[in-house]
mmCIF file of all heavy atoms, coordinates in Angstrom:
data_MODEL
# 
_entry.id   MODEL 
# 
loop_
_atom_site.group_PDB 
_atom_site.id 
_atom_site.type_symbol 
_atom_site.label_atom_id 
_atom_site.label_alt_id 
_atom_site.label_comp_id 
_atom_site.label_asym_id 
_atom_site.label_entity_id 
_atom_site.label_seq_id 
_atom_site.pdbx_PDB_ins_code 
_atom_site.Cartn_x 
_atom_site.Cartn_y 
_atom_site.Cartn_z 
_atom_site.occupancy 
_atom_site.B_iso_or_equiv 
_atom_site.pdbx_formal_charge 
_atom_site.auth_seq_id 
_atom_site.auth_comp_id 
_atom_site.auth_asym_id 
_atom_site.auth_atom_id 
_atom_site.pdbx_PDB_model_num 
ATOM 1   N N   . SER A 1 1  ? 87.903 90.218  101.169 1.00 0.00 ? 1  SER A N   1 
ATOM 2   C CA  . SER A 1 1  ? 88.655 89.215  100.410 1.00 0.00 ? 1  SER A CA  1 
ATOM 3   C C   . SER A 1 1  ? 87.864 88.535  99.300  1.00 0.00 ? 1  SER A C   1 
ATOM 4   O O   . SER A 1 1  ? 88.383 87.655  98.627  1.00 0.00 ? 1  SER A O   1 
ATOM 5   C CB  . SER A 1 1  ? 89.238 88.151  101.350 1.00 0.00 ? 1  SER A CB  1 
ATOM 6   O OG  . SER A 1 1  ? 90.118 88.750  102.273 1.00 0.00 ? 1  SER A OG  1 
ATOM 7   N N   . MET A 1 2  ? 86.626 88.935  99.093  1.00 0.00 ? 2  MET A N   1 
ATOM 8   C CA  . MET A 1 2  ? 85.808 88.326  98.035  1.00 0.00 ? 2  MET A CA  1 
ATOM 9   C C   . MET A 1 2  ? 85.347 89.357  97.015  1.00 0.00 ? 2  MET A C   1 
ATOM 10  O O   . MET A 1 2  ? 84.527 89.061  96.163  1.00 0.00 ? 2  MET A O   1 
ATOM 11  C CB  . MET A 1 2  ? 84.604 87.613  98.657  1.00 0.00 ? 2  MET A CB  1 
ATOM 12  C CG  . MET A 1 2  ? 85.023 86.541  99.650  1.00 0.00 ? 2  MET A CG  1 
ATOM 13  S SD  . MET A 1 2  ? 83.658 85.555  100.197 1.00 0.00 ? 2  MET A SD  1 
ATOM 14  C CE  . MET A 1 2  ? 83.611 84.361  98.868  1.00 0.00 ? 2  MET A CE  1 
ATOM 15  N N   . SER A 1 3  ? 85.861 90.566  97.147  1.00 0.00 ? 3  SER A N   1 
ATOM 16  C CA  . SER A 1 3  ? 85.512 91.623  96.195  1.00 0.00 ? 3  SER A CA  1 
ATOM 17  C C   . SER A 1 3  ? 86.763 92.463  95.938  1.00 0.00 ? 3  SER A C   1 
ATOM 18  O O   . SER A 1 3  ? 87.818 92.216  96.513  1.00 0.00 ? 3  SER A O   1 
ATOM 19  C CB  . SER A 1 3  ? 84.378 92.483  96.759  1.00 0.00 ? 3  SER A CB  1 
ATOM 20  O OG  . SER A 1 3  ? 84.797 93.158  97.928  1.00 0.00 ? 3  SER A OG  1 
ATOM 21  N N   . GLU A 1 4  ? 86.622 93.438  95.087  1.00 0.00 ? 4  GLU A N   1 
ATOM 22  C CA  . GLU A 1 4  ? 87.766 94.277  94.713  1.00 0.00 ? 4  GLU A CA  1 
ATOM 23  C C   . GLU A 1 4  ? 88.356 94.978  95.936  1.00 0.00 ? 4  GLU A C   1 
ATOM 24  O O   . GLU A 1 4  ? 87.633 95.555  96.749  1.00 0.00 ? 4  GLU A O   1 
ATOM 25  C CB  . GLU A 1 4  ? 87.322 95.318  93.692  1.00 0.00 ? 4  GLU A CB  1 
ATOM 26  C CG  . GLU A 1 4  ? 88.433 96.226  93.241  1.00 0.00 ? 4  GLU A CG  1 
ATOM 27  C CD  . GLU A 1 4  ? 87.971 97.314  92.284  1.00 0.00 ? 4  GLU A CD  1 
ATOM 28  O OE1 . GLU A 1 4  ? 86.758 97.397  91.987  1.00 0.00 ? 4  GLU A OE1 1 
ATOM 29  O OE2 . GLU A 1 4  ? 88.839 98.071  91.828  1.00 0.00 ? 4  GLU A OE2 1 
ATOM 30  N N   . ARG A 1 5  ? 89.670 94.909  96.070  1.00 0.00 ? 5  ARG A N   1 
ATOM 31  C CA  . ARG A 1 5  ? 90.384 95.585  97.151  1.00 0.00 ? 5  ARG A CA  1 
ATOM 32  C C   . ARG A 1 5  ? 90.850 96.941  96.638  1.00 0.00 ? 5  ARG A C   1 
ATOM 33  O O   . ARG A 1 5  ? 91.465 97.038  95.574  1.00 0.00 ? 5  ARG A O   1 
ATOM 34  C CB  . ARG A 1 5  ? 91.579 94.745  97.596  1.00 0.00 ? 5  ARG A CB  1 
ATOM 35  C CG  . ARG A 1 5  ? 92.391 95.391  98.700  1.00 0.00 ? 5  ARG A CG  1 
ATOM 36  C CD  . ARG A 1 5  ? 93.519 94.468  99.132  1.00 0.00 ? 5  ARG A CD  1 
ATOM 37  N NE  . ARG A 1 5  ? 94.510 95.187  99.908  1.00 0.00 ? 5  ARG A NE  1 
ATOM 38  C CZ  . ARG A 1 5  ? 94.985 94.777  101.074 1.00 0.00 ? 5  ARG A CZ  1 
ATOM 39  N NH1 . ARG A 1 5  ? 94.574 93.635  101.591 1.00 0.00 ? 5  ARG A NH1 1 
ATOM 40  N NH2 . ARG A 1 5  ? 95.883 95.481  101.719 1.00 0.00 ? 5  ARG A NH2 1 
ATOM 41  N N   . ILE A 1 6  ? 90.556 97.977  97.402  1.00 0.00 ? 6  ILE A N   1 
ATOM 42  C CA  . ILE A 1 6  ? 90.960 99.334  97.063  1.00 0.00 ? 6  ILE A CA  1 
ATOM 43  C C   . ILE A 1 6  ? 92.145 99.713  97.946  1.00 0.00 ? 6  ILE A C   1 
ATOM 44  O O   . ILE A 1 6  ? 92.063 99.635  99.171  1.00 0.00 ? 6  ILE A O   1 
ATOM 45  C CB  . ILE A 1 6  ? 89.798 100.336 97.282  1.00 0.00 ? 6  ILE A CB  1 
ATOM 46  C CG1 . ILE A 1 6  ? 88.532 99.897  96.529  1.00 0.00 ? 6  ILE A CG1 1 
ATOM 47  C CG2 . ILE A 1 6  ? 90.234 101.751 96.920  1.00 0.00 ? 6  ILE A CG2 1 
ATOM 48  C CD1 . ILE A 1 6  ? 88.687 99.813  95.024  1.00 0.00 ? 6  ILE A CD1 1 
ATOM 49  N N   . GLU A 1 7  ? 93.244 100.103 97.318  1.00 0.00 ? 7  GLU A N   1 
ATOM 50  C CA  . GLU A 1 7  ? 94.466 100.462 98.043  1.00 0.00 ? 7  GLU A CA  1 
ATOM 51  C C   . GLU A 1 7  ? 94.484 101.958 98.359  1.00 0.00 ? 7  GLU A C   1 
ATOM 52  O O   . GLU A 1 7  ? 93.741 102.748 97.781  1.00 0.00 ? 7  GLU A O   1 
ATOM 53  C CB  . GLU A 1 7  ? 95.694 100.073 97.215  1.00 0.00 ? 7  GLU A CB  1 
ATOM 54  C CG  . GLU A 1 7  ? 95.783 98.609  96.880  1.00 0.00 ? 7  GLU A CG  1 
ATOM 55  C CD  . GLU A 1 7  ? 95.981 97.690  98.084  1.00 0.00 ? 7  GLU A CD  1 
ATOM 56  O OE1 . GLU A 1 7  ? 96.422 98.153  99.159  1.00 0.00 ? 7  GLU A OE1 1 
ATOM 57  O OE2 . GLU A 1 7  ? 95.693 96.485  97.941  1.00 0.00 ? 7  GLU A OE2 1 
ATOM 58  N N   . GLU A 1 8  ? 95.371 102.330 99.262  1.00 0.00 ? 8  GLU A N   1 
ATOM 59  C CA  . GLU A 1 8  ? 95.455 103.713 99.743  1.00 0.00 ? 8  GLU A CA  1 
ATOM 60  C C   . GLU A 1 8  ? 95.554 104.731 98.603  1.00 0.00 ? 8  GLU A C   1 
ATOM 61  O O   . GLU A 1 8  ? 94.927 105.790 98.662  1.00 0.00 ? 8  GLU A O   1 
ATOM 62  C CB  . GLU A 1 8  ? 96.642 103.866 100.681 1.00 0.00 ? 8  GLU A CB  1 
ATOM 63  C CG  . GLU A 1 8  ? 96.762 105.253 101.273 1.00 0.00 ? 8  GLU A CG  1 
ATOM 64  C CD  . GLU A 1 8  ? 97.872 105.373 102.294 1.00 0.00 ? 8  GLU A CD  1 
ATOM 65  O OE1 . GLU A 1 8  ? 98.719 104.462 102.384 1.00 0.00 ? 8  GLU A OE1 1 
ATOM 66  O OE2 . GLU A 1 8  ? 97.887 106.387 103.009 1.00 0.00 ? 8  GLU A OE2 1 
ATOM 67  N N   . ALA A 1 9  ? 96.316 104.432 97.579  1.00 0.00 ? 9  ALA A N   1 
ATOM 68  C CA  . ALA A 1 9  ? 96.495 105.371 96.464  1.00 0.00 ? 9  ALA A CA  1 
ATOM 69  C C   . ALA A 1 9  ? 95.183 105.722 95.775  1.00 0.00 ? 9  ALA A C   1 
ATOM 70  O O   . ALA A 1 9  ? 95.061 106.793 95.168  1.00 0.00 ? 9  ALA A O   1 
ATOM 71  C CB  . ALA A 1 9  ? 97.472 104.794 95.446  1.00 0.00 ? 9  ALA A CB  1 
ATOM 72  N N   . ASP A 1 10 ? 94.197 104.841 95.891  1.00 0.00 ? 10 ASP A N   1 
ATOM 73  C CA  . ASP A 1 10 ? 92.900 105.063 95.255  1.00 0.00 ? 10 ASP A CA  1 
ATOM 74  C C   . ASP A 1 10 ? 91.799 105.421 96.242  1.00 0.00 ? 10 ASP A C   1 
ATOM 75  O O   . ASP A 1 10 ? 90.623 105.473 95.864  1.00 0.00 ? 10 ASP A O   1 
ATOM 76  C CB  . ASP A 1 10 ? 92.500 103.810 94.465  1.00 0.00 ? 10 ASP A CB  1 
ATOM 77  C CG  . ASP A 1 10 ? 93.482 103.526 93.341  1.00 0.00 ? 10 ASP A CG  1 
ATOM 78  O OD1 . ASP A 1 10 ? 93.873 104.481 92.639  1.00 0.00 ? 10 ASP A OD1 1 
ATOM 79  O OD2 . ASP A 1 10 ? 93.881 102.357 93.186  1.00 0.00 ? 10 ASP A OD2 1 
ATOM 80  N N   . MET A 1 11 ? 92.169 105.682 97.482  1.00 0.00 ? 11 MET A N   1 
ATOM 81  C CA  . MET A 1 11 ? 91.190 106.036 98.512  1.00 0.00 ? 11 MET A CA  1 
ATOM 82  C C   . MET A 1 11 ? 91.065 107.554 98.636  1.00 0.00 ? 11 MET A C   1 
ATOM 83  O O   . MET A 1 11 ? 92.023 108.283 98.404  1.00 0.00 ? 11 MET A O   1 
ATOM 84  C CB  . MET A 1 11 ? 91.610 105.439 99.872  1.00 0.00 ? 11 MET A CB  1 
ATOM 85  C CG  . MET A 1 11 ? 91.540 103.934 99.910  1.00 0.00 ? 11 MET A CG  1 
ATOM 86  S SD  . MET A 1 11 ? 92.269 103.217 101.416 1.00 0.00 ? 11 MET A SD  1 
ATOM 87  C CE  . MET A 1 11 ? 91.108 103.738 102.675 1.00 0.00 ? 11 MET A CE  1 
ATOM 88  N N   . THR A 1 12 ? 89.878 107.994 99.045  1.00 0.00 ? 12 THR A N   1 
ATOM 89  C CA  . THR A 1 12 ? 89.675 109.417 99.318  1.00 0.00 ? 12 THR A CA  1 
ATOM 90  C C   . THR A 1 12 ? 90.228 109.745 100.707 1.00 0.00 ? 12 THR A C   1 
ATOM 91  O O   . THR A 1 12 ? 90.487 108.832 101.518 1.00 0.00 ? 12 THR A O   1 
ATOM 92  C CB  . THR A 1 12 ? 88.178 109.772 99.293  1.00 0.00 ? 12 THR A CB  1 
ATOM 93  O OG1 . THR A 1 12 ? 87.529 109.116 100.390 1.00 0.00 ? 12 THR A OG1 1 
ATOM 94  C CG2 . THR A 1 12 ? 87.523 109.377 97.964  1.00 0.00 ? 12 THR A CG2 1 
ATOM 95  N N   . ALA A 1 13 ? 90.360 111.017 100.982 1.00 0.00 ? 13 ALA A N   1 
ATOM 96  C CA  . ALA A 1 13 ? 90.824 111.451 102.307 1.00 0.00 ? 13 ALA A CA  1 
ATOM 97  C C   . ALA A 1 13 ? 89.861 110.958 103.397 1.00 0.00 ? 13 ALA A C   1 
ATOM 98  O O   . ALA A 1 13 ? 90.297 110.541 104.474 1.00 0.00 ? 13 ALA A O   1 
ATOM 99  C CB  . ALA A 1 13 ? 90.959 112.966 102.353 1.00 0.00 ? 13 ALA A CB  1 
ATOM 100 N N   . ASP A 1 14 ? 88.563 110.970 103.128 1.00 0.00 ? 14 ASP A N   1 
ATOM 101 C CA  . ASP A 1 14 ? 87.579 110.488 104.109 1.00 0.00 ? 14 ASP A CA  1 
ATOM 102 C C   . ASP A 1 14 ? 87.709 108.989 104.348 1.00 0.00 ? 14 ASP A C   1 
ATOM 103 O O   . ASP A 1 14 ? 87.554 108.517 105.472 1.00 0.00 ? 14 ASP A O   1 
ATOM 104 C CB  . ASP A 1 14 ? 86.150 110.814 103.660 1.00 0.00 ? 14 ASP A CB  1 
ATOM 105 C CG  . ASP A 1 14 ? 85.817 112.299 103.789 1.00 0.00 ? 14 ASP A CG  1 
ATOM 106 O OD1 . ASP A 1 14 ? 86.545 113.033 104.504 1.00 0.00 ? 14 ASP A OD1 1 
ATOM 107 O OD2 . ASP A 1 14 ? 84.815 112.721 103.183 1.00 0.00 ? 14 ASP A OD2 1 
ATOM 108 N N   . GLU A 1 15 ? 87.979 108.226 103.304 1.00 0.00 ? 15 GLU A N   1 
ATOM 109 C CA  . GLU A 1 15 ? 88.157 106.781 103.459 1.00 0.00 ? 15 GLU A CA  1 
ATOM 110 C C   . GLU A 1 15 ? 89.412 106.465 104.273 1.00 0.00 ? 15 GLU A C   1 
ATOM 111 O O   . GLU A 1 15 ? 89.397 105.583 105.133 1.00 0.00 ? 15 GLU A O   1 
ATOM 112 C CB  . GLU A 1 15 ? 88.213 106.106 102.090 1.00 0.00 ? 15 GLU A CB  1 
ATOM 113 C CG  . GLU A 1 15 ? 86.879 106.127 101.376 1.00 0.00 ? 15 GLU A CG  1 
ATOM 114 C CD  . GLU A 1 15 ? 86.966 105.782 99.901  1.00 0.00 ? 15 GLU A CD  1 
ATOM 115 O OE1 . GLU A 1 15 ? 88.061 105.863 99.293  1.00 0.00 ? 15 GLU A OE1 1 
ATOM 116 O OE2 . GLU A 1 15 ? 85.907 105.429 99.331  1.00 0.00 ? 15 GLU A OE2 1 
ATOM 117 N N   . ILE A 1 16 ? 90.477 107.213 104.029 1.00 0.00 ? 16 ILE A N   1 
ATOM 118 C CA  . ILE A 1 16 ? 91.703 107.015 104.804 1.00 0.00 ? 16 ILE A CA  1 
ATOM 119 C C   . ILE A 1 16 ? 91.470 107.395 106.264 1.00 0.00 ? 16 ILE A C   1 
ATOM 120 O O   . ILE A 1 16 ? 91.919 106.703 107.175 1.00 0.00 ? 16 ILE A O   1 
ATOM 121 C CB  . ILE A 1 16 ? 92.876 107.809 104.182 1.00 0.00 ? 16 ILE A CB  1 
ATOM 122 C CG1 . ILE A 1 16 ? 93.220 107.217 102.807 1.00 0.00 ? 16 ILE A CG1 1 
ATOM 123 C CG2 . ILE A 1 16 ? 94.095 107.796 105.103 1.00 0.00 ? 16 ILE A CG2 1 
ATOM 124 C CD1 . ILE A 1 16 ? 94.163 108.066 101.978 1.00 0.00 ? 16 ILE A CD1 1 
ATOM 125 N N   . ALA A 1 17 ? 90.730 108.466 106.491 1.00 0.00 ? 17 ALA A N   1 
ATOM 126 C CA  . ALA A 1 17 ? 90.405 108.878 107.865 1.00 0.00 ? 17 ALA A CA  1 
ATOM 127 C C   . ALA A 1 17 ? 89.578 107.807 108.568 1.00 0.00 ? 17 ALA A C   1 
ATOM 128 O O   . ALA A 1 17 ? 89.779 107.545 109.760 1.00 0.00 ? 17 ALA A O   1 
ATOM 129 C CB  . ALA A 1 17 ? 89.658 110.207 107.854 1.00 0.00 ? 17 ALA A CB  1 
ATOM 130 N N   . ALA A 1 18 ? 88.659 107.161 107.855 1.00 0.00 ? 18 ALA A N   1 
ATOM 131 C CA  . ALA A 1 18 ? 87.849 106.093 108.444 1.00 0.00 ? 18 ALA A CA  1 
ATOM 132 C C   . ALA A 1 18 ? 88.722 104.892 108.796 1.00 0.00 ? 18 ALA A C   1 
ATOM 133 O O   . ALA A 1 18 ? 88.568 104.291 109.867 1.00 0.00 ? 18 ALA A O   1 
ATOM 134 C CB  . ALA A 1 18 ? 86.728 105.681 107.487 1.00 0.00 ? 18 ALA A CB  1 
ATOM 135 N N   . TYR A 1 19 ? 89.639 104.523 107.917 1.00 0.00 ? 19 TYR A N   1 
ATOM 136 C CA  . TYR A 1 19 ? 90.570 103.424 108.207 1.00 0.00 ? 19 TYR A CA  1 
ATOM 137 C C   . TYR A 1 19 ? 91.384 103.759 109.460 1.00 0.00 ? 19 TYR A C   1 
ATOM 138 O O   . TYR A 1 19 ? 91.510 102.946 110.374 1.00 0.00 ? 19 TYR A O   1 
ATOM 139 C CB  . TYR A 1 19 ? 91.508 103.186 107.018 1.00 0.00 ? 19 TYR A CB  1 
ATOM 140 C CG  . TYR A 1 19 ? 92.540 102.117 107.281 1.00 0.00 ? 19 TYR A CG  1 
ATOM 141 C CD1 . TYR A 1 19 ? 92.314 100.805 106.909 1.00 0.00 ? 19 TYR A CD1 1 
ATOM 142 C CD2 . TYR A 1 19 ? 93.737 102.420 107.928 1.00 0.00 ? 19 TYR A CD2 1 
ATOM 143 C CE1 . TYR A 1 19 ? 93.262 99.809  107.173 1.00 0.00 ? 19 TYR A CE1 1 
ATOM 144 C CE2 . TYR A 1 19 ? 94.681 101.445 108.196 1.00 0.00 ? 19 TYR A CE2 1 
ATOM 145 C CZ  . TYR A 1 19 ? 94.436 100.141 107.823 1.00 0.00 ? 19 TYR A CZ  1 
ATOM 146 O OH  . TYR A 1 19 ? 95.365 99.158  108.101 1.00 0.00 ? 19 TYR A OH  1 
ATOM 147 N N   . LYS A 1 20 ? 91.933 104.971 109.516 1.00 0.00 ? 20 LYS A N   1 
ATOM 148 C CA  . LYS A 1 20 ? 92.742 105.397 110.665 1.00 0.00 ? 20 LYS A CA  1 
ATOM 149 C C   . LYS A 1 20 ? 91.926 105.369 111.950 1.00 0.00 ? 20 LYS A C   1 
ATOM 150 O O   . LYS A 1 20 ? 92.405 104.926 112.996 1.00 0.00 ? 20 LYS A O   1 
ATOM 151 C CB  . LYS A 1 20 ? 93.325 106.785 110.432 1.00 0.00 ? 20 LYS A CB  1 
ATOM 152 C CG  . LYS A 1 20 ? 94.231 107.252 111.565 1.00 0.00 ? 20 LYS A CG  1 
ATOM 153 C CD  . LYS A 1 20 ? 94.812 108.610 111.286 1.00 0.00 ? 20 LYS A CD  1 
ATOM 154 C CE  . LYS A 1 20 ? 95.813 109.073 112.335 1.00 0.00 ? 20 LYS A CE  1 
ATOM 155 N NZ  . LYS A 1 20 ? 95.547 108.774 113.700 1.00 0.00 ? 20 LYS A NZ  1 
ATOM 156 N N   . ALA A 1 21 ? 90.683 105.827 111.888 1.00 0.00 ? 21 ALA A N   1 
ATOM 157 C CA  . ALA A 1 21 ? 89.826 105.823 113.074 1.00 0.00 ? 21 ALA A CA  1 
ATOM 158 C C   . ALA A 1 21 ? 89.587 104.394 113.556 1.00 0.00 ? 21 ALA A C   1 
ATOM 159 O O   . ALA A 1 21 ? 89.647 104.114 114.757 1.00 0.00 ? 21 ALA A O   1 
ATOM 160 C CB  . ALA A 1 21 ? 88.494 106.508 112.771 1.00 0.00 ? 21 ALA A CB  1 
ATOM 161 N N   . GLY A 1 22 ? 89.325 103.474 112.646 1.00 0.00 ? 22 GLY A N   1 
ATOM 162 C CA  . GLY A 1 22 ? 89.143 102.071 113.020 1.00 0.00 ? 22 GLY A CA  1 
ATOM 163 C C   . GLY A 1 22 ? 90.401 101.494 113.631 1.00 0.00 ? 22 GLY A C   1 
ATOM 164 O O   . GLY A 1 22 ? 90.356 100.780 114.640 1.00 0.00 ? 22 GLY A O   1 
ATOM 165 N N   . TYR A 1 23 ? 91.534 101.811 113.059 1.00 0.00 ? 23 TYR A N   1 
ATOM 166 C CA  . TYR A 1 23 ? 92.820 101.330 113.551 1.00 0.00 ? 23 TYR A CA  1 
ATOM 167 C C   . TYR A 1 23 ? 93.095 101.887 114.948 1.00 0.00 ? 23 TYR A C   1 
ATOM 168 O O   . TYR A 1 23 ? 93.434 101.156 115.872 1.00 0.00 ? 23 TYR A O   1 
ATOM 169 C CB  . TYR A 1 23 ? 93.916 101.759 112.576 1.00 0.00 ? 23 TYR A CB  1 
ATOM 170 C CG  . TYR A 1 23 ? 95.221 101.019 112.722 1.00 0.00 ? 23 TYR A CG  1 
ATOM 171 C CD1 . TYR A 1 23 ? 95.449 99.841  112.023 1.00 0.00 ? 23 TYR A CD1 1 
ATOM 172 C CD2 . TYR A 1 23 ? 96.241 101.508 113.527 1.00 0.00 ? 23 TYR A CD2 1 
ATOM 173 C CE1 . TYR A 1 23 ? 96.650 99.169  112.120 1.00 0.00 ? 23 TYR A CE1 1 
ATOM 174 C CE2 . TYR A 1 23 ? 97.449 100.845 113.631 1.00 0.00 ? 23 TYR A CE2 1 
ATOM 175 C CZ  . TYR A 1 23 ? 97.653 99.665  112.932 1.00 0.00 ? 23 TYR A CZ  1 
ATOM 176 O OH  . TYR A 1 23 ? 98.846 99.009  113.036 1.00 0.00 ? 23 TYR A OH  1 
ATOM 177 N N   . ASP A 1 24 ? 92.896 103.190 115.114 1.00 0.00 ? 24 ASP A N   1 
ATOM 178 C CA  . ASP A 1 24 ? 93.162 103.840 116.396 1.00 0.00 ? 24 ASP A CA  1 
ATOM 179 C C   . ASP A 1 24 ? 92.172 103.420 117.471 1.00 0.00 ? 24 ASP A C   1 
ATOM 180 O O   . ASP A 1 24 ? 92.552 103.213 118.621 1.00 0.00 ? 24 ASP A O   1 
ATOM 181 C CB  . ASP A 1 24 ? 93.132 105.362 116.249 1.00 0.00 ? 24 ASP A CB  1 
ATOM 182 C CG  . ASP A 1 24 ? 94.300 105.902 115.430 1.00 0.00 ? 24 ASP A CG  1 
ATOM 183 O OD1 . ASP A 1 24 ? 95.268 105.145 115.177 1.00 0.00 ? 24 ASP A OD1 1 
ATOM 184 O OD2 . ASP A 1 24 ? 94.223 107.073 115.030 1.00 0.00 ? 24 ASP A OD2 1 
# 
């Protein structure tokens, strides 16, 4: 919340996989 937020449309497949792993 204090730096640039990157949304899904601008994320790599690996970054999305990392988000999913954290969520799961």
